[in-house]
Amino acid sequence: MLFVIIAGGYIGFQTGWVGYSVASGYFPYGVNGMLAGSATVFFAFIGFDSVASTAEEVKNPQRDLPWGIASSLSVCCFLYMMVSVVVVGMVPYFAMDPDTPISSAFADHGMQWAMYIVTAGAVLALCSTLMGSLLPQPRILMAMARDGLLPPFFSDVHERTQVPVKSTILTGICAAFLAFFMDVPQLAGMVSVGTLLAFTVVAISILILRYVPPNEVPLPSSLQQSIDSVSFRYSTEEKESGSSKNLAGTVNNDGDSIEYPLILKENNSDKMNEEKRRKLATWSISSVCVGVLILTSSASFASSPVSAQYSVCSVGGFLLLGGLVVLSCIDQDDGRHSFGHSGGFTCPFVPLLPICCILINVYLLINLGAGTWIRVSIWLLVGVFIYLFYGRSYSSLTDVIYVPVARADEIYRTSIEYVA
């Protein structure tokens, strides 16, 4: 890539960047064409989320994973953009060979020997991409098998290397099978859809965890002793606090303290305010998702009447901006502070950044072809059938105990003390 940027930039300055002086202009297909192309090549960014799948192999994942993802993404994105700028400037876009655009760009300027360097780099890049793609998938299958969503075969780890060898081999066979029977554009579209869907789900999950996180978390039944111990202690403390309140002041029929009427009223008002905040946040997140879907769908269908398109876009924009304003005004859940203060990475600029991510990703998803969506839908149906006929019955959540979030850390600490 550095060779393409340096050598291509030299040629561009020598020839006057002929690619940018075509009659149709620099932006011939407009914003829709640019976004359609971006959606197709979005699979180039799939390797960065694979860093997160190696969290078990990182010494300090809360600190190192965000830095690793952000730094690698920044460097590679800059190199991608520079290569695109140079190649498009060397040769007009309509004169490029769609199969070998970079090599043909150098060949048109008499640098036949550069084709061998570019080809060798492309082969090495394909090998690294394959290795990067095969690294996270076996670990994802292993995690799903541990949760009972897939057969135990996928969770087997080699005794000496501590690597899921069986999952890796099976993943390589499936990848080779798909590569043999499908074209590159078809595979690129499917991979791009999967990546965009994953990023969209992550952005929505950030909003949910910041504003309406679950009040209870599932714990394995093996922690039953610790759960009973902590629950008994909390119930004892509640009884003692209740008896002390009764000794300090009487209670009327409405449950309000006569001597200290503000104690219970403040607690009840806090609970009611929290419930209202959660309901308002839930409706706002739903409004954002619906508004994004309406806005991007109407903006993508250019064949519809202009008046109808503007009307539907206005409705979607109103829902989107309304949800964004409400989420910006209400408070986020207090649980986010404990994770951030403990050294964990927290997403900045919430809710603006996640909502922008959802908007861009959904627009890119809609601009992908119908054939891609048909193939992805078939793939998703296969996953649904696997869950219905296997994962639902063997999931680890079928034998768990739900406890309040505030007590989960204490239960884990108590279980460690028992083991020690």
Protein backbone atom coordinates (compact mmCIF):
# COMPACT_ATOMS: atom_id res chain seq x y z
CA MET A 1 0.00 0.00 0.00
CA LEU A 2 2.86 2.37 0.72
CA PHE A 3 4.32 1.57 -2.70
CA VAL A 4 0.99 2.36 -4.38
CA ILE A 5 0.67 5.63 -2.47
CA ILE A 6 4.23 6.83 -3.10
CA ALA A 7 4.69 5.62 -6.70
CA GLY A 8 1.11 6.46 -7.67
CA GLY A 9 1.39 9.90 -6.11
CA TYR A 10 4.56 10.59 -8.09
CA ILE A 11 2.84 9.56 -11.34
CA GLY A 12 -0.19 11.67 -10.46
CA PHE A 13 1.87 14.79 -9.95
CA GLN A 14 3.78 14.14 -13.18
CA THR A 15 0.62 13.66 -15.27
CA GLY A 16 -1.55 16.29 -13.58
CA TRP A 17 -4.02 13.88 -11.97
CA VAL A 18 -5.97 13.11 -15.13
CA GLY A 19 -8.52 11.10 -13.20
CA TYR A 20 -9.88 14.22 -11.56
CA SER A 21 -10.24 16.22 -14.78
CA VAL A 22 -12.84 14.05 -16.57
CA ALA A 23 -15.89 15.68 -18.17
CA SER A 24 -18.37 14.00 -15.82
CA GLY A 25 -16.68 15.54 -12.80
CA TYR A 26 -15.19 14.12 -9.65
CA PHE A 27 -18.54 13.00 -8.20
CA PRO A 28 -20.45 11.55 -11.18
CA TYR A 29 -22.86 9.27 -9.25
CA GLY A 30 -23.61 11.59 -6.36
CA VAL A 31 -24.06 10.73 -2.72
CA ASN A 32 -26.19 7.64 -3.43
CA GLY A 33 -23.53 6.16 -5.66
CA MET A 34 -20.84 6.83 -3.09
CA LEU A 35 -22.83 5.22 -0.28
CA ALA A 36 -23.76 2.24 -2.45
CA GLY A 37 -20.08 1.65 -3.13
CA SER A 38 -19.25 2.14 0.55
CA ALA A 39 -21.81 -0.48 1.52
CA THR A 40 -20.27 -2.96 -0.91
CA VAL A 41 -16.69 -2.53 0.29
CA PHE A 42 -17.57 -2.23 3.97
CA PHE A 43 -16.28 -5.77 4.45
CA ALA A 44 -12.77 -4.25 4.42
CA PHE A 45 -13.41 -3.18 8.02
CA ILE A 46 -14.51 -6.57 9.30
CA GLY A 47 -11.13 -7.51 10.70
CA PHE A 48 -11.12 -4.88 13.43
CA ASP A 49 -13.98 -6.33 15.44
CA SER A 50 -12.09 -9.63 15.49
CA VAL A 51 -9.76 -8.03 18.03
CA ALA A 52 -12.61 -8.10 20.54
CA SER A 53 -13.01 -11.87 20.14
CA THR A 54 -9.50 -12.36 21.53
CA ALA A 55 -10.33 -10.69 24.85
CA GLU A 56 -9.51 -13.86 26.79
CA GLU A 57 -5.94 -13.72 25.46
CA VAL A 58 -5.26 -10.09 26.48
CA LYS A 59 -3.70 -9.19 29.81
CA ASN A 60 -5.69 -5.98 30.32
CA PRO A 61 -8.64 -6.13 27.89
CA GLN A 62 -10.48 -3.12 29.33
CA ARG A 63 -7.57 -0.85 28.42
CA ASP A 64 -5.77 -2.63 25.56
CA LEU A 65 -8.71 -3.70 23.36
CA PRO A 66 -10.11 -0.18 22.75
CA TRP A 67 -6.63 1.15 22.03
CA GLY A 68 -5.86 -1.75 19.68
CA ILE A 69 -9.10 -1.40 17.74
CA ALA A 70 -8.94 2.40 17.50
CA SER A 71 -5.28 2.58 16.48
CA SER A 72 -5.44 -0.20 13.88
CA LEU A 73 -8.69 1.17 12.46
CA SER A 74 -7.24 4.68 12.15
CA VAL A 75 -4.05 3.56 10.42
CA CYS A 76 -5.77 1.20 7.98
CA CYS A 77 -8.55 3.65 7.19
CA PHE A 78 -5.98 6.33 6.36
CA LEU A 79 -4.10 3.94 4.07
CA TYR A 80 -7.34 2.84 2.35
CA MET A 81 -8.32 6.43 1.64
CA MET A 82 -4.88 7.37 0.35
CA VAL A 83 -4.81 4.39 -2.03
CA SER A 84 -8.25 5.34 -3.37
CA VAL A 85 -7.25 8.97 -3.81
CA VAL A 86 -4.09 8.04 -5.72
CA VAL A 87 -5.54 5.33 -7.97
CA VAL A 88 -8.63 7.36 -8.95
CA GLY A 89 -6.37 10.31 -9.74
CA MET A 90 -4.01 8.24 -11.91
CA VAL A 91 -6.67 6.83 -14.25
CA PRO A 92 -10.30 7.91 -14.86
CA TYR A 93 -12.76 5.64 -13.10
CA PHE A 94 -14.38 4.43 -16.34
CA ALA A 95 -11.00 3.39 -17.81
CA MET A 96 -10.08 1.09 -14.93
CA ASP A 97 -10.07 -2.67 -15.22
CA PRO A 98 -12.69 -3.80 -12.65
CA ASP A 99 -10.77 -7.02 -11.96
CA THR A 100 -7.31 -5.47 -11.48
CA PRO A 101 -7.77 -1.71 -11.03
CA ILE A 102 -4.47 -0.92 -9.30
CA SER A 103 -2.29 -3.02 -11.59
CA SER A 104 -3.98 -1.70 -14.70
CA ALA A 105 -3.53 1.88 -13.45
CA PHE A 106 0.24 1.42 -13.31
CA ALA A 107 0.26 -0.49 -16.62
CA ASP A 108 -1.48 2.41 -18.38
CA HIS A 109 1.45 4.61 -17.42
CA GLY A 110 4.07 2.18 -18.74
CA MET A 111 5.07 0.68 -15.37
CA GLN A 112 4.55 -2.97 -16.25
CA TRP A 113 7.01 -4.08 -13.57
CA ALA A 114 4.82 -2.51 -10.89
CA MET A 115 2.12 -5.07 -11.67
CA TYR A 116 4.25 -7.79 -10.10
CA ILE A 117 4.73 -5.81 -6.89
CA VAL A 118 1.04 -5.01 -6.65
CA THR A 119 0.07 -8.62 -7.39
CA ALA A 120 2.46 -9.97 -4.77
CA GLY A 121 1.10 -7.49 -2.23
CA ALA A 122 -2.47 -8.45 -3.11
CA VAL A 123 -1.74 -12.15 -2.58
CA LEU A 124 -0.11 -11.46 0.79
CA ALA A 125 -3.02 -9.22 1.76
CA LEU A 126 -5.50 -11.96 0.87
CA CYS A 127 -3.59 -14.43 3.03
CA SER A 128 -3.57 -12.04 5.98
CA THR A 129 -7.27 -11.30 5.47
CA LEU A 130 -8.09 -15.00 5.45
CA MET A 131 -6.08 -15.54 8.61
CA GLY A 132 -7.73 -12.54 10.25
CA SER A 133 -11.18 -13.83 9.30
CA LEU A 134 -10.48 -17.35 10.50
CA LEU A 135 -9.14 -16.12 13.84
CA PRO A 136 -12.35 -14.76 15.43
CA GLN A 137 -14.97 -17.11 13.99
CA PRO A 138 -13.83 -20.30 15.82
CA ARG A 139 -13.70 -18.35 19.08
CA ILE A 140 -17.20 -17.01 18.50
CA LEU A 141 -18.43 -20.55 17.87
CA MET A 142 -16.61 -21.69 21.01
CA ALA A 143 -18.32 -19.01 23.10
CA MET A 144 -21.72 -19.94 21.66
CA ALA A 145 -21.07 -23.62 22.39
CA ARG A 146 -20.16 -22.77 25.99
CA ASP A 147 -23.51 -21.03 26.29
CA GLY A 148 -25.26 -24.12 24.93
CA LEU A 149 -26.37 -22.54 21.66
CA LEU A 150 -24.24 -24.96 19.62
CA PRO A 151 -23.12 -28.56 20.19
CA PRO A 152 -20.15 -29.14 22.55
CA PHE A 153 -18.04 -30.10 19.53
CA PHE A 154 -17.37 -26.41 18.87
CA SER A 155 -16.13 -25.72 22.40
CA ASP A 156 -13.40 -28.37 22.43
CA VAL A 157 -10.00 -26.83 23.10
CA HIS A 158 -6.71 -28.53 22.29
CA GLU A 159 -4.89 -29.53 25.47
CA ARG A 160 -1.46 -28.32 24.40
CA THR A 161 -2.18 -25.25 22.26
CA GLN A 162 -5.38 -24.16 24.08
CA VAL A 163 -6.93 -23.33 20.70
CA PRO A 164 -10.34 -24.48 19.37
CA VAL A 165 -8.82 -26.67 16.66
CA LYS A 166 -12.04 -28.43 15.61
CA SER A 167 -13.91 -25.15 15.18
CA THR A 168 -11.00 -23.69 13.22
CA ILE A 169 -10.88 -26.63 10.81
CA LEU A 170 -14.64 -26.60 10.29
CA THR A 171 -14.64 -22.84 9.74
CA GLY A 172 -11.90 -23.17 7.11
CA ILE A 173 -13.82 -25.91 5.27
CA CYS A 174 -17.01 -23.83 5.21
CA ALA A 175 -15.13 -20.73 4.03
CA ALA A 176 -13.46 -22.72 1.23
CA PHE A 177 -16.83 -24.17 0.21
CA LEU A 178 -18.46 -20.73 -0.05
CA ALA A 179 -15.47 -19.27 -1.89
CA PHE A 180 -15.58 -22.09 -4.44
CA PHE A 181 -19.28 -21.78 -5.32
CA MET A 182 -19.86 -18.01 -4.98
CA ASP A 183 -18.48 -14.98 -6.79
CA VAL A 184 -16.45 -12.30 -5.05
CA PRO A 185 -19.20 -9.61 -5.30
CA GLN A 186 -21.71 -12.01 -3.75
CA LEU A 187 -19.39 -12.86 -0.87
CA ALA A 188 -18.48 -9.20 -0.40
CA GLY A 189 -22.14 -8.26 -0.14
CA MET A 190 -22.91 -10.98 2.40
CA VAL A 191 -19.90 -10.09 4.54
CA SER A 192 -20.78 -6.39 4.38
CA VAL A 193 -24.35 -7.07 5.50
CA GLY A 194 -23.13 -9.15 8.43
CA THR A 195 -20.64 -6.49 9.48
CA LEU A 196 -23.13 -3.63 9.19
CA LEU A 197 -25.79 -5.57 11.09
CA ALA A 198 -23.34 -6.36 13.88
CA PHE A 199 -22.24 -2.74 14.18
CA THR A 200 -25.85 -1.56 14.18
CA VAL A 201 -26.80 -3.99 16.95
CA VAL A 202 -23.80 -2.83 18.99
CA ALA A 203 -24.84 0.83 18.62
CA ILE A 204 -28.42 0.05 19.71
CA SER A 205 -27.08 -2.02 22.62
CA ILE A 206 -25.03 0.97 23.81
CA LEU A 207 -28.20 3.06 24.05
CA ILE A 208 -30.01 0.30 25.91
CA LEU A 209 -27.18 -0.30 28.39
CA ARG A 210 -26.74 3.41 29.06
CA TYR A 211 -30.42 4.23 29.57
CA VAL A 212 -32.43 1.06 30.30
CA PRO A 213 -30.02 -1.68 31.44
CA PRO A 214 -31.56 -4.86 32.87
CA ASN A 215 -32.37 -4.79 36.57
CA GLU A 216 -31.44 -8.46 36.95
CA VAL A 217 -28.60 -10.58 35.62
CA PRO A 218 -28.48 -14.38 35.22
CA LEU A 219 -26.04 -16.33 37.37
CA PRO A 220 -25.30 -20.06 37.12
CA SER A 221 -26.99 -22.38 39.57
CA SER A 222 -23.55 -23.45 40.82
CA LEU A 223 -23.51 -20.17 42.79
CA GLN A 224 -26.67 -21.14 44.67
CA GLN A 225 -24.91 -21.16 48.06
CA SER A 226 -23.48 -17.68 47.56
CA ILE A 227 -26.82 -16.38 46.27
CA ASP A 228 -28.66 -17.75 49.31
CA SER A 229 -26.07 -16.28 51.67
CA VAL A 230 -26.19 -12.79 50.17
CA SER A 231 -29.99 -12.85 49.83
CA PHE A 232 -30.37 -13.92 53.47
CA ARG A 233 -28.09 -11.11 54.66
CA TYR A 234 -30.00 -8.51 52.64
CA SER A 235 -33.36 -9.76 53.90
CA THR A 236 -32.08 -9.65 57.49
CA GLU A 237 -30.85 -6.09 57.02
CA GLU A 238 -34.18 -5.06 55.53
CA LYS A 239 -36.06 -6.56 58.49
CA GLU A 240 -33.76 -4.83 60.97
CA SER A 241 -34.10 -1.50 59.19
CA GLY A 242 -37.86 -1.93 59.11
CA SER A 243 -38.04 -2.69 62.81
CA SER A 244 -35.82 0.28 63.63
CA LYS A 245 -38.11 2.55 61.62
CA ASN A 246 -41.11 1.22 63.52
CA LEU A 247 -39.36 1.95 66.81
CA ALA A 248 -38.39 5.45 65.70
CA GLY A 249 -41.77 6.47 64.37
CA THR A 250 -45.27 5.11 63.81
CA VAL A 251 -46.76 4.31 60.42
CA ASN A 252 -50.30 5.13 59.35
CA ASN A 253 -52.62 3.07 57.15
CA ASP A 254 -51.21 4.57 53.94
CA GLY A 255 -47.71 3.30 54.75
CA ASP A 256 -46.30 6.82 55.39
CA SER A 257 -44.25 7.54 58.46
CA ILE A 258 -46.03 9.95 60.81
CA GLU A 259 -42.94 11.21 62.60
CA TYR A 260 -40.75 11.08 59.47
CA PRO A 261 -43.21 11.45 56.57
CA LEU A 262 -40.56 12.44 54.06
CA ILE A 263 -38.53 9.22 54.37
CA LEU A 264 -40.89 6.88 52.60
CA LYS A 265 -42.25 9.55 50.29
CA GLU A 266 -38.80 10.39 48.99
CA ASN A 267 -38.02 6.72 48.38
CA ASN A 268 -41.30 6.20 46.56
CA SER A 269 -40.84 9.34 44.49
CA ASP A 270 -37.33 8.25 43.51
CA LYS A 271 -38.65 4.87 42.36
CA MET A 272 -41.44 6.52 40.39
CA ASN A 273 -39.03 8.96 38.76
CA GLU A 274 -36.70 6.12 37.82
CA GLU A 275 -39.57 4.15 36.29
CA LYS A 276 -40.69 7.20 34.31
CA ARG A 277 -37.14 7.80 33.12
CA ARG A 278 -36.78 4.20 31.94
CA LYS A 279 -40.12 4.27 30.12
CA LEU A 280 -39.29 7.57 28.46
CA ALA A 281 -35.86 6.28 27.43
CA THR A 282 -37.40 3.09 26.03
CA TRP A 283 -39.87 5.02 23.90
CA SER A 284 -37.13 7.40 22.76
CA ILE A 285 -34.82 4.57 21.65
CA SER A 286 -37.73 2.96 19.79
CA SER A 287 -38.52 6.32 18.18
CA VAL A 288 -34.92 6.65 17.02
CA CYS A 289 -34.89 3.18 15.47
CA VAL A 290 -38.23 3.65 13.69
CA GLY A 291 -37.26 7.13 12.53
CA VAL A 292 -33.94 5.91 11.13
CA LEU A 293 -35.68 3.11 9.24
CA ILE A 294 -38.30 5.45 7.75
CA LEU A 295 -35.82 8.18 6.88
CA THR A 296 -33.25 5.93 5.21
CA SER A 297 -35.87 3.90 3.33
CA SER A 298 -37.57 6.97 1.86
CA ALA A 299 -34.24 8.61 1.01
CA SER A 300 -33.03 5.50 -0.85
CA PHE A 301 -36.07 5.14 -3.13
CA ALA A 302 -35.38 7.91 -5.61
CA SER A 303 -38.09 6.65 -8.01
CA SER A 304 -40.91 7.69 -5.66
CA PRO A 305 -42.64 11.09 -6.10
CA VAL A 306 -40.71 13.98 -4.64
CA SER A 307 -43.58 15.23 -2.48
CA ALA A 308 -44.20 11.81 -0.97
CA GLN A 309 -40.49 11.29 -0.44
CA TYR A 310 -40.12 14.59 1.40
CA SER A 311 -43.21 13.88 3.51
CA VAL A 312 -42.01 10.47 4.61
CA CYS A 313 -38.50 11.81 5.23
CA SER A 314 -39.98 14.55 7.40
CA VAL A 315 -41.81 11.99 9.53
CA GLY A 316 -38.69 9.88 9.92
CA GLY A 317 -36.55 12.92 10.68
CA PHE A 318 -39.04 14.14 13.29
CA LEU A 319 -39.02 10.77 15.08
CA LEU A 320 -35.22 10.59 14.91
CA LEU A 321 -34.58 14.13 16.17
CA GLY A 322 -37.29 13.83 18.82
CA GLY A 323 -35.73 10.68 20.24
CA LEU A 324 -32.26 12.24 20.11
CA VAL A 325 -33.39 15.37 21.96
CA VAL A 326 -35.17 13.39 24.67
CA LEU A 327 -32.23 11.05 25.20
CA SER A 328 -29.91 14.05 25.43
CA CYS A 329 -32.08 15.69 28.08
CA ILE A 330 -32.78 12.77 30.41
CA ASP A 331 -30.21 11.21 32.71
CA GLN A 332 -28.39 8.01 31.90
CA ASP A 333 -28.36 5.01 34.20
CA ASP A 334 -26.02 5.29 37.20
CA GLY A 335 -24.43 1.90 36.47
CA ARG A 336 -22.21 3.37 33.75
CA HIS A 337 -20.07 5.19 36.32
CA SER A 338 -18.84 2.05 38.08
CA PHE A 339 -17.53 0.54 34.85
CA GLY A 340 -15.85 3.73 33.69
CA HIS A 341 -14.21 4.37 37.05
CA SER A 342 -12.86 0.81 37.18
CA GLY A 343 -10.74 1.40 34.08
CA GLY A 344 -13.18 0.15 31.44
CA PHE A 345 -13.69 1.96 28.13
CA THR A 346 -16.98 3.82 27.83
CA CYS A 347 -18.34 5.09 24.54
CA PRO A 348 -18.11 8.91 24.31
CA PHE A 349 -20.71 11.35 22.98
CA VAL A 350 -23.73 9.23 23.91
CA PRO A 351 -26.41 9.38 22.51
CA LEU A 352 -25.16 11.33 19.47
CA LEU A 353 -22.42 8.95 18.36
CA PRO A 354 -24.47 5.69 18.57
CA ILE A 355 -27.41 7.31 16.77
CA CYS A 356 -25.16 8.57 13.97
CA CYS A 357 -23.71 5.07 13.70
CA ILE A 358 -27.19 3.55 13.44
CA LEU A 359 -28.24 6.09 10.80
CA ILE A 360 -25.20 5.54 8.56
CA ASN A 361 -25.18 1.75 8.91
CA VAL A 362 -28.90 1.37 8.15
CA TYR A 363 -28.57 3.62 5.09
CA LEU A 364 -25.69 1.51 3.83
CA LEU A 365 -27.67 -1.67 4.49
CA ILE A 366 -30.64 -0.44 2.48
CA ASN A 367 -28.40 0.44 -0.47
CA LEU A 368 -27.20 -3.14 -0.83
CA GLY A 369 -28.76 -5.25 -3.56
CA ALA A 370 -31.84 -7.42 -3.23
CA GLY A 371 -29.87 -10.56 -4.10
CA THR A 372 -27.56 -9.96 -1.17
CA TRP A 373 -30.50 -9.62 1.20
CA ILE A 374 -32.06 -12.83 -0.12
CA ARG A 375 -28.86 -14.80 0.54
CA VAL A 376 -28.43 -13.25 3.97
CA SER A 377 -32.07 -13.99 4.83
CA ILE A 378 -31.55 -17.65 3.99
CA TRP A 379 -28.44 -17.67 6.18
CA LEU A 380 -30.37 -16.05 9.04
CA LEU A 381 -33.17 -18.60 8.71
CA VAL A 382 -30.63 -21.39 9.09
CA GLY A 383 -29.47 -19.77 12.33
CA VAL A 384 -33.07 -19.43 13.56
CA PHE A 385 -33.74 -23.13 12.95
CA ILE A 386 -30.54 -24.08 14.80
CA TYR A 387 -31.67 -22.02 17.77
CA LEU A 388 -35.24 -23.35 17.76
CA PHE A 389 -34.32 -27.03 17.48
CA TYR A 390 -31.11 -27.04 19.53
CA GLY A 391 -30.02 -23.82 21.24
CA ARG A 392 -33.35 -23.15 22.91
CA SER A 393 -33.32 -26.54 24.64
CA TYR A 394 -29.65 -26.65 25.64
CA SER A 395 -29.02 -22.97 26.38
CA SER A 396 -27.23 -22.25 29.65
CA LEU A 397 -29.99 -19.73 30.47
CA THR A 398 -32.42 -22.59 31.09
CA ASP A 399 -30.70 -23.32 34.44
CA VAL A 400 -29.83 -19.89 35.85
CA ILE A 401 -30.92 -17.76 38.76
CA TYR A 402 -31.74 -14.10 38.19
CA VAL A 403 -30.44 -11.75 40.86
CA PRO A 404 -30.43 -7.94 41.16
CA VAL A 405 -27.55 -6.23 39.40
CA ALA A 406 -26.44 -4.54 42.63
CA ARG A 407 -25.83 -7.91 44.30
CA ALA A 408 -24.06 -9.70 41.43
CA ASP A 409 -20.53 -8.51 42.26
CA GLU A 410 -20.95 -9.37 45.93
CA ILE A 411 -22.20 -12.85 45.04
CA TYR A 412 -19.15 -13.44 42.86
CA ARG A 413 -16.83 -12.24 45.64
CA THR A 414 -18.58 -14.50 48.13
CA SER A 415 -18.25 -17.49 45.80
CA ILE A 416 -14.51 -16.82 45.42
CA GLU A 417 -14.14 -16.74 49.19
CA TYR A 418 -15.95 -20.07 49.48
CA VAL A 419 -13.66 -21.61 46.89
CA ALA A 420 -10.57 -20.21 48.63
